[in-house]
Amino acid sequence: MKKFAVSFLALAAFSKAFAGIFFLNGTSPNDASYDVNKVWQGDDMLGRPAVGIVLLWDVCGMRGLLFRIFATVLFFAAAAAPVFSNEKPAGLMVRLSKIEVRMEDLEEYNALLKEEILASVKLEPGVLTLYAVCDKDAPNRITILEIYKDEAAYKRHIESPHFQKYKRGTLKMVKSLELKDVSALIPEMKIK
């Protein structure tokens, strides 16, 4: 509780200072020297979230204490929105599974693999991607790109009924299996 009170007081003090600097020291959209385009392009210290406040100020013509408080809260909400709207990729678990299947079992293996991947992606929110490909010259050599929200999601995945069915059903079909943990170079990139 004490940490919350200190954080709240610090935020309130910063908000008051911000409101005082931005709204009271002549930085009004009504001033001839103020350029909204400069703010939108990020050349202003406030950056793009300030544009909504500036436009709201101009439309409403408000200059009172209530508007300063509201505008400060709006600014911080706009600035924080990108942080809270995207899933943070720091905990991602990314793996390449390289599998060699017996040629005589390839059709049956591919059917079980397809069933397992479709079920995993549909039923498990922590499974972000399972993408299987095969070599053109050797279709029995399969590589699967696996991306999980985190290690816990991976552990839930390998315990799921559909994965266990796939594992039991393909055990005698697989000649070799290599699991390679890798790092995502652009972890925020989404597969469309």
N, C-alpha and C. Protein backbone atom coordinates (compact mmCIF):
# COMPACT_ATOMS: atom_id res chain seq x y z
N MET A 1 0.83 -1.20 0.00
CA MET A 1 0.00 0.00 0.00
C MET A 1 0.87 1.26 0.00
N LYS A 2 1.98 1.19 0.76
CA LYS A 2 2.87 2.34 0.84
C LYS A 2 3.47 2.65 -0.54
N LYS A 3 3.87 1.56 -1.28
CA LYS A 3 4.45 1.76 -2.61
C LYS A 3 3.43 2.42 -3.54
N PHE A 4 2.15 1.99 -3.44
CA PHE A 4 1.10 2.56 -4.26
C PHE A 4 0.95 4.05 -3.98
N ALA A 5 0.95 4.42 -2.68
CA ALA A 5 0.79 5.83 -2.30
C ALA A 5 1.94 6.67 -2.83
N VAL A 6 3.17 6.15 -2.71
CA VAL A 6 4.34 6.89 -3.21
C VAL A 6 4.26 7.03 -4.71
N SER A 7 3.89 5.94 -5.41
CA SER A 7 3.77 6.00 -6.88
C SER A 7 2.69 6.98 -7.30
N PHE A 8 1.55 6.97 -6.60
CA PHE A 8 0.46 7.88 -6.93
C PHE A 8 0.88 9.33 -6.72
N LEU A 9 1.56 9.62 -5.61
CA LEU A 9 2.02 10.99 -5.35
C LEU A 9 3.03 11.44 -6.39
N ALA A 10 3.94 10.53 -6.78
CA ALA A 10 4.94 10.88 -7.79
C ALA A 10 4.25 11.17 -9.12
N LEU A 11 3.27 10.35 -9.50
CA LEU A 11 2.54 10.56 -10.74
C LEU A 11 1.76 11.88 -10.69
N ALA A 12 1.14 12.15 -9.56
CA ALA A 12 0.37 13.39 -9.41
C ALA A 12 1.29 14.61 -9.54
N ALA A 13 2.45 14.55 -8.91
CA ALA A 13 3.40 15.67 -8.99
C ALA A 13 3.88 15.87 -10.42
N PHE A 14 4.21 14.76 -11.09
CA PHE A 14 4.66 14.85 -12.47
C PHE A 14 3.55 15.40 -13.37
N SER A 15 2.33 14.91 -13.13
CA SER A 15 1.19 15.37 -13.93
C SER A 15 0.98 16.87 -13.76
N LYS A 16 1.10 17.34 -12.53
CA LYS A 16 0.92 18.77 -12.27
C LYS A 16 2.01 19.58 -12.98
N ALA A 17 3.24 19.08 -12.90
CA ALA A 17 4.35 19.79 -13.56
C ALA A 17 4.15 19.77 -15.07
N PHE A 18 3.74 18.63 -15.61
CA PHE A 18 3.49 18.51 -17.04
C PHE A 18 2.41 19.49 -17.48
N ALA A 19 1.31 19.49 -16.75
CA ALA A 19 0.20 20.38 -17.09
C ALA A 19 0.65 21.84 -17.02
N GLY A 20 1.44 22.16 -16.01
CA GLY A 20 1.92 23.53 -15.87
C GLY A 20 2.82 23.94 -17.01
N ILE A 21 3.73 23.07 -17.39
CA ILE A 21 4.66 23.39 -18.48
C ILE A 21 3.93 23.51 -19.80
N PHE A 22 3.09 22.52 -20.11
CA PHE A 22 2.48 22.48 -21.42
C PHE A 22 1.32 23.46 -21.59
N PHE A 23 0.52 23.59 -20.56
CA PHE A 23 -0.71 24.36 -20.72
C PHE A 23 -0.66 25.78 -20.15
N LEU A 24 0.30 26.08 -19.32
CA LEU A 24 0.30 27.39 -18.69
C LEU A 24 1.42 28.30 -19.15
N ASN A 25 2.43 27.75 -19.78
CA ASN A 25 3.59 28.56 -20.12
C ASN A 25 3.58 29.04 -21.57
N GLY A 26 2.43 29.36 -22.09
CA GLY A 26 2.35 29.96 -23.42
C GLY A 26 2.47 28.97 -24.57
N THR A 27 2.33 27.67 -24.32
CA THR A 27 2.44 26.69 -25.39
C THR A 27 1.04 26.29 -25.84
N SER A 28 0.25 27.24 -26.15
CA SER A 28 -1.14 27.00 -26.51
C SER A 28 -1.28 26.92 -28.02
N PRO A 29 -2.21 26.11 -28.52
CA PRO A 29 -2.46 26.07 -29.95
C PRO A 29 -2.96 27.39 -30.50
N ASN A 30 -3.39 28.27 -29.60
CA ASN A 30 -3.86 29.58 -30.04
C ASN A 30 -2.69 30.52 -30.33
N ASP A 31 -1.48 30.16 -29.88
CA ASP A 31 -0.32 30.99 -30.14
C ASP A 31 0.11 30.83 -31.60
N ALA A 32 0.55 31.91 -32.21
CA ALA A 32 0.97 31.87 -33.60
C ALA A 32 2.22 31.00 -33.77
N SER A 33 3.04 30.86 -32.71
CA SER A 33 4.29 30.12 -32.82
C SER A 33 4.10 28.60 -32.67
N TYR A 34 2.91 28.16 -32.27
CA TYR A 34 2.69 26.74 -32.03
C TYR A 34 2.35 26.02 -33.33
N ASP A 35 3.02 24.93 -33.61
CA ASP A 35 2.83 24.19 -34.85
C ASP A 35 2.41 22.76 -34.54
N VAL A 36 1.13 22.44 -34.78
CA VAL A 36 0.60 21.09 -34.52
C VAL A 36 1.35 20.06 -35.36
N ASN A 37 1.71 20.41 -36.59
CA ASN A 37 2.43 19.46 -37.44
C ASN A 37 3.78 19.09 -36.84
N LYS A 38 4.42 20.03 -36.18
CA LYS A 38 5.70 19.76 -35.53
C LYS A 38 5.52 18.72 -34.43
N VAL A 39 4.43 18.84 -33.68
CA VAL A 39 4.14 17.86 -32.62
C VAL A 39 3.87 16.50 -33.26
N TRP A 40 3.04 16.47 -34.31
CA TRP A 40 2.67 15.19 -34.93
C TRP A 40 3.89 14.46 -35.49
N GLN A 41 4.86 15.19 -36.03
CA GLN A 41 6.05 14.56 -36.60
C GLN A 41 7.03 14.10 -35.53
N GLY A 42 6.72 14.39 -34.27
CA GLY A 42 7.59 13.93 -33.19
C GLY A 42 8.73 14.87 -32.90
N ASP A 43 8.74 16.07 -33.53
CA ASP A 43 9.82 17.01 -33.28
C ASP A 43 9.63 17.72 -31.95
N ASP A 44 8.42 17.72 -31.44
CA ASP A 44 8.12 18.32 -30.15
C ASP A 44 8.41 17.29 -29.07
N MET A 45 8.79 17.74 -27.87
CA MET A 45 9.15 16.80 -26.80
C MET A 45 7.99 15.90 -26.41
N LEU A 46 6.78 16.28 -26.70
CA LEU A 46 5.62 15.49 -26.29
C LEU A 46 5.31 14.35 -27.25
N GLY A 47 5.64 14.51 -28.51
CA GLY A 47 5.38 13.46 -29.48
C GLY A 47 3.92 13.37 -29.89
N ARG A 48 3.56 12.32 -30.57
CA ARG A 48 2.24 12.17 -31.18
C ARG A 48 1.08 12.10 -30.21
N PRO A 49 1.21 11.50 -29.03
CA PRO A 49 0.02 11.47 -28.14
C PRO A 49 -0.49 12.86 -27.77
N ALA A 50 0.37 13.87 -27.88
CA ALA A 50 -0.05 15.22 -27.52
C ALA A 50 -1.01 15.82 -28.55
N VAL A 51 -1.02 15.29 -29.77
CA VAL A 51 -1.86 15.86 -30.81
C VAL A 51 -3.33 15.85 -30.42
N GLY A 52 -3.80 14.73 -29.87
CA GLY A 52 -5.19 14.63 -29.45
C GLY A 52 -5.54 15.67 -28.41
N ILE A 53 -4.62 15.91 -27.50
CA ILE A 53 -4.84 16.92 -26.46
C ILE A 53 -4.89 18.30 -27.07
N VAL A 54 -3.94 18.56 -27.97
CA VAL A 54 -3.88 19.88 -28.62
C VAL A 54 -5.16 20.14 -29.40
N LEU A 55 -5.61 19.13 -30.17
CA LEU A 55 -6.83 19.31 -30.95
C LEU A 55 -8.05 19.47 -30.04
N LEU A 56 -8.10 18.68 -28.96
CA LEU A 56 -9.20 18.79 -28.02
C LEU A 56 -9.22 20.17 -27.39
N TRP A 57 -8.06 20.68 -27.01
CA TRP A 57 -7.93 22.03 -26.44
C TRP A 57 -8.53 23.03 -27.41
N ASP A 58 -8.12 22.93 -28.69
CA ASP A 58 -8.54 23.88 -29.71
C ASP A 58 -10.05 23.80 -29.94
N VAL A 59 -10.60 22.59 -30.02
CA VAL A 59 -12.03 22.41 -30.28
C VAL A 59 -12.87 22.89 -29.09
N CYS A 60 -12.47 22.50 -27.90
CA CYS A 60 -13.28 22.81 -26.71
C CYS A 60 -13.01 24.21 -26.17
N GLY A 61 -11.87 24.76 -26.45
CA GLY A 61 -11.53 26.07 -25.94
C GLY A 61 -11.40 26.11 -24.43
N MET A 62 -11.11 24.97 -23.82
CA MET A 62 -11.02 24.90 -22.36
C MET A 62 -9.62 25.28 -21.89
N ARG A 63 -9.57 25.95 -20.76
CA ARG A 63 -8.27 26.31 -20.22
C ARG A 63 -8.25 26.17 -18.70
N GLY A 64 -9.28 25.60 -18.12
CA GLY A 64 -9.40 25.52 -16.68
C GLY A 64 -8.68 24.32 -16.08
N LEU A 65 -8.73 24.24 -14.77
CA LEU A 65 -8.08 23.18 -14.03
C LEU A 65 -8.61 21.80 -14.43
N LEU A 66 -9.92 21.69 -14.61
CA LEU A 66 -10.51 20.40 -14.98
C LEU A 66 -9.93 19.91 -16.31
N PHE A 67 -9.80 20.81 -17.27
CA PHE A 67 -9.24 20.40 -18.56
C PHE A 67 -7.78 19.99 -18.42
N ARG A 68 -7.00 20.72 -17.63
CA ARG A 68 -5.59 20.36 -17.44
C ARG A 68 -5.45 18.97 -16.86
N ILE A 69 -6.30 18.64 -15.90
CA ILE A 69 -6.25 17.30 -15.30
C ILE A 69 -6.66 16.26 -16.33
N PHE A 70 -7.78 16.51 -17.02
CA PHE A 70 -8.26 15.58 -18.02
C PHE A 70 -7.23 15.38 -19.13
N ALA A 71 -6.64 16.45 -19.61
CA ALA A 71 -5.67 16.37 -20.70
C ALA A 71 -4.43 15.60 -20.28
N THR A 72 -3.99 15.79 -19.04
CA THR A 72 -2.82 15.07 -18.54
C THR A 72 -3.10 13.57 -18.50
N VAL A 73 -4.26 13.20 -17.98
CA VAL A 73 -4.63 11.78 -17.93
C VAL A 73 -4.74 11.22 -19.35
N LEU A 74 -5.36 11.97 -20.26
CA LEU A 74 -5.49 11.54 -21.65
C LEU A 74 -4.12 11.35 -22.29
N PHE A 75 -3.21 12.26 -22.02
CA PHE A 75 -1.85 12.15 -22.58
C PHE A 75 -1.18 10.86 -22.12
N PHE A 76 -1.23 10.58 -20.82
CA PHE A 76 -0.56 9.37 -20.31
C PHE A 76 -1.26 8.12 -20.81
N ALA A 77 -2.57 8.15 -20.94
CA ALA A 77 -3.29 6.99 -21.47
C ALA A 77 -2.90 6.75 -22.93
N ALA A 78 -2.80 7.81 -23.71
CA ALA A 78 -2.41 7.66 -25.12
C ALA A 78 -0.97 7.18 -25.24
N ALA A 79 -0.10 7.68 -24.39
CA ALA A 79 1.30 7.27 -24.43
C ALA A 79 1.47 5.82 -23.99
N ALA A 80 0.64 5.37 -23.05
CA ALA A 80 0.76 4.00 -22.53
C ALA A 80 0.03 2.98 -23.38
N ALA A 81 -0.89 3.40 -24.23
CA ALA A 81 -1.70 2.45 -25.00
C ALA A 81 -0.87 1.46 -25.81
N PRO A 82 0.17 1.90 -26.55
CA PRO A 82 0.94 0.92 -27.31
C PRO A 82 1.65 -0.09 -26.41
N VAL A 83 2.02 0.32 -25.22
CA VAL A 83 2.73 -0.58 -24.31
C VAL A 83 1.82 -1.70 -23.85
N PHE A 84 0.56 -1.37 -23.53
CA PHE A 84 -0.35 -2.36 -22.98
C PHE A 84 -1.17 -3.09 -24.04
N SER A 85 -1.21 -2.59 -25.27
CA SER A 85 -2.05 -3.21 -26.28
C SER A 85 -1.35 -4.38 -26.97
N ASN A 86 -0.04 -4.40 -26.99
CA ASN A 86 0.69 -5.47 -27.66
C ASN A 86 1.22 -6.47 -26.65
N GLU A 87 1.20 -7.72 -27.09
CA GLU A 87 1.77 -8.76 -26.27
C GLU A 87 3.28 -8.56 -26.22
N LYS A 88 3.84 -8.62 -25.02
CA LYS A 88 5.28 -8.43 -24.92
C LYS A 88 6.00 -9.71 -25.34
N PRO A 89 6.93 -9.59 -26.29
CA PRO A 89 7.56 -10.77 -26.84
C PRO A 89 8.74 -11.30 -26.04
N ALA A 90 9.08 -10.70 -24.93
CA ALA A 90 10.29 -11.06 -24.19
C ALA A 90 10.32 -12.53 -23.79
N GLY A 91 9.18 -13.14 -23.46
CA GLY A 91 9.16 -14.50 -22.98
C GLY A 91 8.95 -15.54 -24.07
N LEU A 92 8.97 -15.15 -25.33
CA LEU A 92 8.70 -16.09 -26.41
C LEU A 92 9.63 -17.30 -26.35
N MET A 93 9.06 -18.44 -26.69
CA MET A 93 9.86 -19.64 -26.88
C MET A 93 9.74 -20.02 -28.34
N VAL A 94 10.87 -20.07 -29.04
CA VAL A 94 10.88 -20.37 -30.46
C VAL A 94 11.76 -21.60 -30.68
N ARG A 95 11.25 -22.51 -31.46
CA ARG A 95 11.95 -23.78 -31.67
C ARG A 95 11.78 -24.22 -33.11
N LEU A 96 12.82 -24.87 -33.63
CA LEU A 96 12.75 -25.55 -34.91
C LEU A 96 12.79 -27.05 -34.63
N SER A 97 11.79 -27.76 -35.13
CA SER A 97 11.78 -29.22 -35.04
C SER A 97 12.12 -29.76 -36.41
N LYS A 98 13.21 -30.52 -36.49
CA LYS A 98 13.62 -31.13 -37.75
C LYS A 98 13.38 -32.63 -37.64
N ILE A 99 12.50 -33.11 -38.51
CA ILE A 99 12.02 -34.48 -38.41
C ILE A 99 12.26 -35.19 -39.74
N GLU A 100 12.77 -36.41 -39.65
CA GLU A 100 12.86 -37.26 -40.83
C GLU A 100 11.92 -38.44 -40.62
N VAL A 101 10.98 -38.58 -41.55
CA VAL A 101 9.94 -39.60 -41.46
C VAL A 101 10.26 -40.73 -42.44
N ARG A 102 9.90 -41.95 -42.07
CA ARG A 102 10.06 -43.08 -42.99
C ARG A 102 9.17 -42.82 -44.20
N MET A 103 9.74 -43.00 -45.37
CA MET A 103 9.04 -42.66 -46.61
C MET A 103 7.71 -43.42 -46.73
N GLU A 104 7.66 -44.65 -46.31
CA GLU A 104 6.44 -45.45 -46.42
C GLU A 104 5.33 -44.96 -45.49
N ASP A 105 5.68 -44.16 -44.46
CA ASP A 105 4.70 -43.64 -43.49
C ASP A 105 4.35 -42.17 -43.72
N LEU A 106 4.90 -41.57 -44.78
CA LEU A 106 4.80 -40.13 -44.96
C LEU A 106 3.35 -39.63 -45.05
N GLU A 107 2.51 -40.28 -45.80
CA GLU A 107 1.13 -39.81 -45.96
C GLU A 107 0.37 -39.84 -44.62
N GLU A 108 0.52 -40.95 -43.90
CA GLU A 108 -0.15 -41.06 -42.60
C GLU A 108 0.42 -40.06 -41.60
N TYR A 109 1.75 -39.88 -41.64
CA TYR A 109 2.39 -38.92 -40.74
C TYR A 109 1.85 -37.51 -41.00
N ASN A 110 1.81 -37.13 -42.26
CA ASN A 110 1.35 -35.78 -42.61
C ASN A 110 -0.10 -35.54 -42.16
N ALA A 111 -0.93 -36.56 -42.24
CA ALA A 111 -2.32 -36.42 -41.79
C ALA A 111 -2.38 -36.20 -40.27
N LEU A 112 -1.59 -36.97 -39.52
CA LEU A 112 -1.55 -36.79 -38.06
C LEU A 112 -0.96 -35.43 -37.68
N LEU A 113 0.08 -35.01 -38.40
CA LEU A 113 0.71 -33.71 -38.13
C LEU A 113 -0.29 -32.57 -38.38
N LYS A 114 -1.00 -32.64 -39.49
CA LYS A 114 -1.99 -31.60 -39.81
C LYS A 114 -3.06 -31.52 -38.73
N GLU A 115 -3.58 -32.67 -38.31
CA GLU A 115 -4.60 -32.70 -37.26
C GLU A 115 -4.08 -32.08 -35.96
N GLU A 116 -2.85 -32.41 -35.61
CA GLU A 116 -2.27 -31.89 -34.36
C GLU A 116 -2.04 -30.38 -34.43
N ILE A 117 -1.50 -29.91 -35.53
CA ILE A 117 -1.22 -28.47 -35.67
C ILE A 117 -2.52 -27.66 -35.66
N LEU A 118 -3.52 -28.10 -36.41
CA LEU A 118 -4.80 -27.37 -36.43
C LEU A 118 -5.44 -27.32 -35.05
N ALA A 119 -5.41 -28.42 -34.32
CA ALA A 119 -5.99 -28.45 -32.96
C ALA A 119 -5.21 -27.54 -32.02
N SER A 120 -3.88 -27.58 -32.10
CA SER A 120 -3.05 -26.79 -31.19
C SER A 120 -3.28 -25.29 -31.38
N VAL A 121 -3.28 -24.85 -32.64
CA VAL A 121 -3.45 -23.42 -32.93
C VAL A 121 -4.86 -22.97 -32.56
N LYS A 122 -5.85 -23.83 -32.76
CA LYS A 122 -7.23 -23.47 -32.46
C LYS A 122 -7.53 -23.47 -30.95
N LEU A 123 -7.02 -24.46 -30.24
CA LEU A 123 -7.41 -24.67 -28.85
C LEU A 123 -6.47 -24.07 -27.80
N GLU A 124 -5.24 -23.77 -28.19
CA GLU A 124 -4.26 -23.31 -27.21
C GLU A 124 -3.85 -21.86 -27.49
N PRO A 125 -4.28 -20.91 -26.65
CA PRO A 125 -3.91 -19.51 -26.88
C PRO A 125 -2.40 -19.26 -26.79
N GLY A 126 -1.68 -20.09 -26.07
CA GLY A 126 -0.23 -19.91 -25.92
C GLY A 126 0.57 -20.40 -27.11
N VAL A 127 -0.08 -21.13 -28.03
CA VAL A 127 0.58 -21.57 -29.25
C VAL A 127 0.38 -20.48 -30.29
N LEU A 128 1.43 -19.73 -30.58
CA LEU A 128 1.31 -18.60 -31.50
C LEU A 128 1.47 -19.04 -32.96
N THR A 129 2.38 -19.97 -33.21
CA THR A 129 2.61 -20.44 -34.57
C THR A 129 3.13 -21.87 -34.54
N LEU A 130 2.59 -22.69 -35.41
CA LEU A 130 3.15 -24.00 -35.75
C LEU A 130 3.09 -24.03 -37.28
N TYR A 131 4.23 -23.95 -37.92
CA TYR A 131 4.26 -23.87 -39.37
C TYR A 131 5.19 -24.95 -39.90
N ALA A 132 4.62 -25.94 -40.60
CA ALA A 132 5.38 -27.08 -41.09
C ALA A 132 5.70 -26.94 -42.57
N VAL A 133 6.94 -27.29 -42.93
CA VAL A 133 7.38 -27.31 -44.33
C VAL A 133 8.19 -28.58 -44.55
N CYS A 134 8.33 -28.97 -45.83
CA CYS A 134 9.18 -30.12 -46.15
C CYS A 134 10.15 -29.72 -47.26
N ASP A 135 11.25 -30.45 -47.32
CA ASP A 135 12.21 -30.22 -48.40
C ASP A 135 11.56 -30.61 -49.72
N LYS A 136 11.78 -29.83 -50.77
CA LYS A 136 11.21 -30.16 -52.08
C LYS A 136 11.78 -31.47 -52.63
N ASP A 137 13.07 -31.66 -52.43
CA ASP A 137 13.72 -32.85 -52.96
C ASP A 137 13.56 -34.07 -52.05
N ALA A 138 13.23 -33.85 -50.79
CA ALA A 138 13.07 -34.96 -49.83
C ALA A 138 11.87 -34.65 -48.95
N PRO A 139 10.65 -34.95 -49.42
CA PRO A 139 9.43 -34.57 -48.69
C PRO A 139 9.28 -35.25 -47.33
N ASN A 140 10.12 -36.24 -47.06
CA ASN A 140 10.08 -36.89 -45.75
C ASN A 140 10.94 -36.17 -44.72
N ARG A 141 11.59 -35.09 -45.13
CA ARG A 141 12.36 -34.23 -44.20
C ARG A 141 11.53 -32.98 -43.92
N ILE A 142 11.03 -32.91 -42.72
CA ILE A 142 10.06 -31.89 -42.33
C ILE A 142 10.68 -30.98 -41.28
N THR A 143 10.42 -29.69 -41.42
CA THR A 143 10.85 -28.71 -40.42
C THR A 143 9.61 -27.96 -39.95
N ILE A 144 9.48 -27.82 -38.63
CA ILE A 144 8.34 -27.10 -38.05
C ILE A 144 8.87 -25.91 -37.27
N LEU A 145 8.38 -24.73 -37.62
CA LEU A 145 8.66 -23.53 -36.84
C LEU A 145 7.60 -23.46 -35.75
N GLU A 146 8.04 -23.50 -34.51
CA GLU A 146 7.13 -23.49 -33.36
C GLU A 146 7.37 -22.21 -32.56
N ILE A 147 6.32 -21.43 -32.35
CA ILE A 147 6.44 -20.21 -31.53
C ILE A 147 5.36 -20.27 -30.46
N TYR A 148 5.82 -20.19 -29.21
CA TYR A 148 4.93 -20.23 -28.06
C TYR A 148 5.03 -18.92 -27.29
N LYS A 149 3.97 -18.57 -26.62
CA LYS A 149 3.95 -17.33 -25.83
C LYS A 149 5.08 -17.33 -24.80
N ASP A 150 5.32 -18.46 -24.18
CA ASP A 150 6.40 -18.60 -23.20
C ASP A 150 6.63 -20.09 -22.97
N GLU A 151 7.57 -20.40 -22.09
CA GLU A 151 7.91 -21.80 -21.82
C GLU A 151 6.73 -22.55 -21.19
N ALA A 152 5.96 -21.87 -20.37
CA ALA A 152 4.79 -22.50 -19.74
C ALA A 152 3.77 -22.93 -20.81
N ALA A 153 3.58 -22.11 -21.84
CA ALA A 153 2.67 -22.46 -22.93
C ALA A 153 3.17 -23.69 -23.67
N TYR A 154 4.49 -23.78 -23.85
CA TYR A 154 5.07 -24.96 -24.50
C TYR A 154 4.82 -26.22 -23.66
N LYS A 155 5.02 -26.11 -22.35
CA LYS A 155 4.81 -27.26 -21.47
C LYS A 155 3.34 -27.71 -21.49
N ARG A 156 2.41 -26.74 -21.52
CA ARG A 156 0.99 -27.09 -21.62
C ARG A 156 0.70 -27.78 -22.96
N HIS A 157 1.37 -27.30 -24.00
CA HIS A 157 1.18 -27.86 -25.34
C HIS A 157 1.58 -29.34 -25.39
N ILE A 158 2.75 -29.67 -24.88
CA ILE A 158 3.20 -31.06 -24.99
C ILE A 158 2.42 -32.00 -24.06
N GLU A 159 1.67 -31.46 -23.13
CA GLU A 159 0.81 -32.28 -22.27
C GLU A 159 -0.62 -32.37 -22.80
N SER A 160 -0.94 -31.62 -23.84
CA SER A 160 -2.31 -31.59 -24.36
C SER A 160 -2.67 -32.94 -24.98
N PRO A 161 -3.97 -33.31 -24.96
CA PRO A 161 -4.40 -34.59 -25.53
C PRO A 161 -4.08 -34.72 -27.02
N HIS A 162 -4.25 -33.64 -27.79
CA HIS A 162 -3.99 -33.73 -29.23
C HIS A 162 -2.50 -33.93 -29.54
N PHE A 163 -1.62 -33.31 -28.73
CA PHE A 163 -0.19 -33.54 -28.95
C PHE A 163 0.19 -34.96 -28.57
N GLN A 164 -0.35 -35.43 -27.44
CA GLN A 164 -0.05 -36.80 -26.99
C GLN A 164 -0.53 -37.82 -28.03
N LYS A 165 -1.69 -37.59 -28.65
CA LYS A 165 -2.19 -38.48 -29.70
C LYS A 165 -1.21 -38.49 -30.88
N TYR A 166 -0.76 -37.30 -31.30
CA TYR A 166 0.21 -37.18 -32.40
C TYR A 166 1.50 -37.91 -32.05
N LYS A 167 2.00 -37.70 -30.84
CA LYS A 167 3.27 -38.31 -30.42
C LYS A 167 3.18 -39.83 -30.44
N ARG A 168 2.12 -40.37 -29.85
CA ARG A 168 1.95 -41.84 -29.82
C ARG A 168 1.76 -42.40 -31.23
N GLY A 169 0.98 -41.68 -32.04
CA GLY A 169 0.66 -42.18 -33.38
C GLY A 169 1.83 -42.14 -34.34
N THR A 170 2.79 -41.25 -34.12
CA THR A 170 3.90 -41.10 -35.07
C THR A 170 5.22 -41.67 -34.56
N LEU A 171 5.23 -42.20 -33.37
CA LEU A 171 6.47 -42.66 -32.73
C LEU A 171 7.28 -43.60 -33.63
N LYS A 172 6.64 -44.58 -34.25
CA LYS A 172 7.36 -45.56 -35.08
C LYS A 172 7.60 -45.06 -36.50
N MET A 173 7.01 -43.90 -36.86
CA MET A 173 7.17 -43.36 -38.21
C MET A 173 8.41 -42.47 -38.34
N VAL A 174 8.90 -41.98 -37.22
CA VAL A 174 9.99 -40.99 -37.22
C VAL A 174 11.34 -41.70 -37.17
N LYS A 175 12.20 -41.40 -38.18
CA LYS A 175 13.56 -41.95 -38.21
C LYS A 175 14.49 -41.12 -37.33
N SER A 176 14.32 -39.79 -37.38
CA SER A 176 15.17 -38.91 -36.56
C SER A 176 14.41 -37.64 -36.20
N LEU A 177 14.80 -37.08 -35.07
CA LEU A 177 14.17 -35.85 -34.57
C LEU A 177 15.24 -34.98 -33.93
N GLU A 178 15.29 -33.71 -34.36
CA GLU A 178 16.21 -32.74 -33.77
C GLU A 178 15.38 -31.53 -33.35
N LEU A 179 15.45 -31.19 -32.07
CA LEU A 179 14.76 -30.01 -31.54
C LEU A 179 15.82 -28.95 -31.28
N LYS A 180 15.68 -27.79 -31.91
CA LYS A 180 16.67 -26.72 -31.79
C LYS A 180 15.98 -25.45 -31.31
N ASP A 181 16.31 -25.03 -30.09
CA ASP A 181 15.78 -23.74 -29.62
C ASP A 181 16.53 -22.63 -30.31
N VAL A 182 15.79 -21.64 -30.79
CA VAL A 182 16.38 -20.51 -31.52
C VAL A 182 15.84 -19.22 -30.93
N SER A 183 16.45 -18.12 -31.31
CA SER A 183 16.01 -16.79 -30.85
C SER A 183 15.39 -16.04 -32.02
N ALA A 184 14.27 -15.39 -31.75
CA ALA A 184 13.62 -14.56 -32.76
C ALA A 184 14.41 -13.27 -32.94
N LEU A 185 14.77 -12.95 -34.16
CA LEU A 185 15.51 -11.70 -34.41
C LEU A 185 14.59 -10.49 -34.36
N ILE A 186 13.33 -10.66 -34.73
CA ILE A 186 12.34 -9.58 -34.66
C ILE A 186 11.14 -10.16 -33.91
N PRO A 187 11.21 -10.26 -32.57
CA PRO A 187 10.18 -10.95 -31.82
C PRO A 187 8.78 -10.35 -31.90
N GLU A 188 8.68 -9.06 -32.21
CA GLU A 188 7.36 -8.44 -32.30
C GLU A 188 6.68 -8.69 -33.64
N MET A 189 7.40 -9.30 -34.59
CA MET A 189 6.86 -9.58 -35.91
C MET A 189 5.78 -10.64 -35.82
N LYS A 190 4.64 -10.38 -36.45
CA LYS A 190 3.53 -11.32 -36.47
C LYS A 190 3.47 -12.00 -37.82
N ILE A 191 3.09 -13.27 -37.82
CA ILE A 191 2.87 -13.97 -39.08
C ILE A 191 1.41 -13.75 -39.46
N LYS A 192 1.17 -13.22 -40.65
CA LYS A 192 -0.19 -12.89 -41.08
C LYS A 192 -0.95 -14.15 -41.44
